Amino acid sequence: MSDEDGNYGLVEIKLGGDELIGRGVKTLQKLAGKIDTDRMKPPLFKMVLTAVGDFAYRTDDGITVCPIGALRE
């Protein structure tokens, strides 16, 4: 999904668990590497949305891992 200016984010949805979250991070890295940034903007953010966890955090390479419960108000 993008806005009028062509801004967008990449989201990978995983049910949870460190192994699955790690796979989601790798998938986002791989997908982001395929984007031709000469033709379009890079994503504003990359996020793994998960069903488990108490808080969101950012990986060393800038990918946000966020439990769905952290998205409420």
N, C-alpha and C. Protein backbone atom coordinates (compact mmCIF):
# COMPACT_ATOMS: atom_id res chain seq x y z
N MET A 1 0.84 -1.17 0.00
CA MET A 1 0.00 0.00 0.00
C MET A 1 0.89 1.23 0.00
N SER A 2 0.53 2.23 -0.79
CA SER A 2 1.34 3.45 -0.83
C SER A 2 0.44 4.67 -0.78
N ASP A 3 1.05 5.80 -0.46
CA ASP A 3 0.28 7.04 -0.45
C ASP A 3 0.45 7.76 -1.78
N GLU A 4 -0.08 8.96 -1.88
CA GLU A 4 -0.04 9.72 -3.13
C GLU A 4 1.37 10.04 -3.59
N ASP A 5 2.30 10.12 -2.65
CA ASP A 5 3.69 10.46 -2.99
C ASP A 5 4.53 9.22 -3.30
N GLY A 6 3.92 8.06 -3.28
CA GLY A 6 4.65 6.83 -3.56
C GLY A 6 5.37 6.25 -2.36
N ASN A 7 5.08 6.75 -1.16
CA ASN A 7 5.69 6.21 0.05
C ASN A 7 4.98 4.92 0.44
N TYR A 8 5.74 3.96 0.95
CA TYR A 8 5.16 2.68 1.33
C TYR A 8 6.05 2.00 2.36
N GLY A 9 5.53 0.98 2.99
CA GLY A 9 6.29 0.17 3.92
C GLY A 9 6.13 -1.30 3.57
N LEU A 10 7.08 -2.10 4.00
CA LEU A 10 7.03 -3.55 3.79
C LEU A 10 6.68 -4.21 5.11
N VAL A 11 5.67 -5.09 5.09
CA VAL A 11 5.24 -5.78 6.31
C VAL A 11 5.19 -7.28 6.04
N GLU A 12 5.81 -8.04 6.90
CA GLU A 12 5.76 -9.51 6.86
C GLU A 12 5.01 -9.93 8.12
N ILE A 13 4.01 -10.79 7.99
CA ILE A 13 3.22 -11.23 9.13
C ILE A 13 3.64 -12.65 9.50
N LYS A 14 4.00 -12.81 10.78
CA LYS A 14 4.39 -14.12 11.31
C LYS A 14 3.63 -14.35 12.61
N LEU A 15 3.25 -15.59 12.89
CA LEU A 15 2.52 -15.88 14.12
C LEU A 15 3.39 -15.72 15.35
N GLY A 16 4.68 -15.94 15.23
CA GLY A 16 5.56 -15.72 16.37
C GLY A 16 6.61 -16.79 16.52
N GLY A 17 7.38 -16.63 17.55
CA GLY A 17 8.51 -17.51 17.79
C GLY A 17 9.75 -16.94 17.13
N ASP A 18 10.87 -17.04 17.81
CA ASP A 18 12.10 -16.43 17.33
C ASP A 18 12.50 -16.92 15.94
N GLU A 19 12.32 -18.21 15.68
CA GLU A 19 12.71 -18.75 14.38
C GLU A 19 11.86 -18.14 13.25
N LEU A 20 10.56 -18.08 13.45
CA LEU A 20 9.68 -17.51 12.43
C LEU A 20 9.91 -16.01 12.25
N ILE A 21 10.13 -15.31 13.34
CA ILE A 21 10.42 -13.88 13.25
C ILE A 21 11.72 -13.67 12.49
N GLY A 22 12.73 -14.50 12.76
CA GLY A 22 14.00 -14.42 12.03
C GLY A 22 13.82 -14.65 10.54
N ARG A 23 12.95 -15.60 10.20
CA ARG A 23 12.65 -15.84 8.78
C ARG A 23 11.97 -14.63 8.15
N GLY A 24 11.07 -14.00 8.91
CA GLY A 24 10.40 -12.80 8.41
C GLY A 24 11.37 -11.67 8.16
N VAL A 25 12.34 -11.49 9.05
CA VAL A 25 13.37 -10.47 8.87
C VAL A 25 14.16 -10.74 7.60
N LYS A 26 14.56 -11.99 7.39
CA LYS A 26 15.33 -12.34 6.19
C LYS A 26 14.51 -12.13 4.92
N THR A 27 13.22 -12.46 4.97
CA THR A 27 12.36 -12.25 3.81
C THR A 27 12.27 -10.77 3.46
N LEU A 28 12.12 -9.92 4.47
CA LEU A 28 12.04 -8.48 4.22
C LEU A 28 13.36 -7.94 3.65
N GLN A 29 14.48 -8.42 4.17
CA GLN A 29 15.78 -7.99 3.64
C GLN A 29 15.90 -8.38 2.18
N LYS A 30 15.50 -9.60 1.86
CA LYS A 30 15.58 -10.10 0.49
C LYS A 30 14.67 -9.29 -0.44
N LEU A 31 13.45 -9.04 -0.01
CA LEU A 31 12.51 -8.27 -0.81
C LEU A 31 13.00 -6.84 -1.01
N ALA A 32 13.47 -6.21 0.05
CA ALA A 32 13.97 -4.83 -0.06
C ALA A 32 15.15 -4.76 -1.02
N GLY A 33 15.96 -5.80 -1.07
CA GLY A 33 17.10 -5.83 -1.98
C GLY A 33 16.71 -5.94 -3.44
N LYS A 34 15.49 -6.37 -3.71
CA LYS A 34 15.02 -6.50 -5.09
C LYS A 34 14.36 -5.23 -5.62
N ILE A 35 14.15 -4.26 -4.77
CA ILE A 35 13.47 -3.03 -5.19
C ILE A 35 14.43 -2.15 -5.96
N ASP A 36 14.02 -1.75 -7.13
CA ASP A 36 14.83 -0.87 -7.98
C ASP A 36 14.61 0.57 -7.51
N THR A 37 15.52 1.06 -6.67
CA THR A 37 15.35 2.40 -6.11
C THR A 37 15.67 3.51 -7.10
N ASP A 38 16.09 3.15 -8.31
CA ASP A 38 16.21 4.15 -9.36
C ASP A 38 14.84 4.45 -9.96
N ARG A 39 13.92 3.50 -9.83
CA ARG A 39 12.58 3.65 -10.40
C ARG A 39 11.53 4.01 -9.37
N MET A 40 11.78 3.68 -8.11
CA MET A 40 10.81 3.98 -7.06
C MET A 40 11.54 4.24 -5.75
N LYS A 41 10.85 4.87 -4.83
CA LYS A 41 11.45 5.17 -3.53
C LYS A 41 11.69 3.88 -2.76
N PRO A 42 12.68 3.90 -1.87
CA PRO A 42 12.84 2.76 -0.97
C PRO A 42 11.70 2.77 0.05
N PRO A 43 11.42 1.66 0.70
CA PRO A 43 10.34 1.64 1.69
C PRO A 43 10.67 2.55 2.88
N LEU A 44 9.62 3.21 3.42
CA LEU A 44 9.82 4.05 4.60
C LEU A 44 10.14 3.22 5.83
N PHE A 45 9.60 2.01 5.88
CA PHE A 45 9.88 1.13 7.01
C PHE A 45 9.74 -0.33 6.57
N LYS A 46 10.33 -1.20 7.37
CA LYS A 46 10.18 -2.65 7.20
C LYS A 46 9.78 -3.20 8.57
N MET A 47 8.72 -4.02 8.60
CA MET A 47 8.22 -4.49 9.88
C MET A 47 7.77 -5.94 9.80
N VAL A 48 8.12 -6.70 10.82
CA VAL A 48 7.56 -8.03 11.02
C VAL A 48 6.47 -7.87 12.08
N LEU A 49 5.23 -8.14 11.70
CA LEU A 49 4.09 -8.07 12.61
C LEU A 49 3.86 -9.47 13.14
N THR A 50 3.84 -9.61 14.46
CA THR A 50 3.75 -10.93 15.07
C THR A 50 2.62 -11.00 16.09
N ALA A 51 2.20 -12.21 16.41
CA ALA A 51 1.11 -12.41 17.35
C ALA A 51 1.60 -12.48 18.79
N VAL A 52 2.88 -12.60 19.01
CA VAL A 52 3.41 -12.78 20.36
C VAL A 52 4.36 -11.65 20.73
N GLY A 53 4.53 -11.48 22.03
CA GLY A 53 5.47 -10.48 22.52
C GLY A 53 4.76 -9.37 23.27
N ASP A 54 5.52 -8.68 24.11
CA ASP A 54 4.96 -7.62 24.93
C ASP A 54 5.33 -6.23 24.43
N PHE A 55 6.37 -6.13 23.62
CA PHE A 55 6.82 -4.81 23.17
C PHE A 55 7.46 -4.93 21.79
N ALA A 56 7.50 -3.81 21.10
CA ALA A 56 8.14 -3.74 19.79
C ALA A 56 9.62 -3.43 19.97
N TYR A 57 10.41 -3.85 19.01
CA TYR A 57 11.84 -3.53 19.02
C TYR A 57 12.35 -3.44 17.60
N ARG A 58 13.52 -2.89 17.44
CA ARG A 58 14.13 -2.76 16.12
C ARG A 58 15.39 -3.61 16.07
N THR A 59 15.54 -4.37 14.99
CA THR A 59 16.74 -5.20 14.82
C THR A 59 17.92 -4.30 14.45
N ASP A 60 19.12 -4.88 14.48
CA ASP A 60 20.32 -4.11 14.16
C ASP A 60 20.29 -3.54 12.75
N ASP A 61 19.57 -4.19 11.84
CA ASP A 61 19.49 -3.69 10.47
C ASP A 61 18.24 -2.84 10.21
N GLY A 62 17.59 -2.40 11.28
CA GLY A 62 16.52 -1.41 11.15
C GLY A 62 15.12 -1.95 10.90
N ILE A 63 14.93 -3.25 11.02
CA ILE A 63 13.59 -3.83 10.83
C ILE A 63 12.87 -3.85 12.17
N THR A 64 11.65 -3.30 12.18
CA THR A 64 10.84 -3.27 13.39
C THR A 64 10.12 -4.60 13.54
N VAL A 65 10.18 -5.17 14.74
CA VAL A 65 9.41 -6.37 15.08
C VAL A 65 8.36 -5.91 16.08
N CYS A 66 7.09 -6.08 15.72
CA CYS A 66 6.01 -5.51 16.52
C CYS A 66 4.91 -6.54 16.77
N PRO A 67 4.59 -6.80 18.04
CA PRO A 67 3.44 -7.66 18.32
C PRO A 67 2.15 -6.90 18.02
N ILE A 68 1.15 -7.61 17.56
CA ILE A 68 -0.10 -6.96 17.18
C ILE A 68 -0.71 -6.17 18.34
N GLY A 69 -0.52 -6.65 19.57
CA GLY A 69 -1.06 -5.97 20.74
C GLY A 69 -0.46 -4.59 20.96
N ALA A 70 0.72 -4.34 20.42
CA ALA A 70 1.36 -3.03 20.59
C ALA A 70 0.79 -1.98 19.63
N LEU A 71 -0.06 -2.40 18.69
CA LEU A 71 -0.61 -1.46 17.72
C LEU A 71 -1.86 -0.75 18.22
N ARG A 72 -2.42 -1.21 19.30
CA ARG A 72 -3.62 -0.53 19.82
C ARG A 72 -3.22 0.79 20.44
N GLU A 73 -4.17 1.60 20.66
CA GLU A 73 -3.99 2.93 21.20
C GLU A 73 -2.69 3.04 21.89
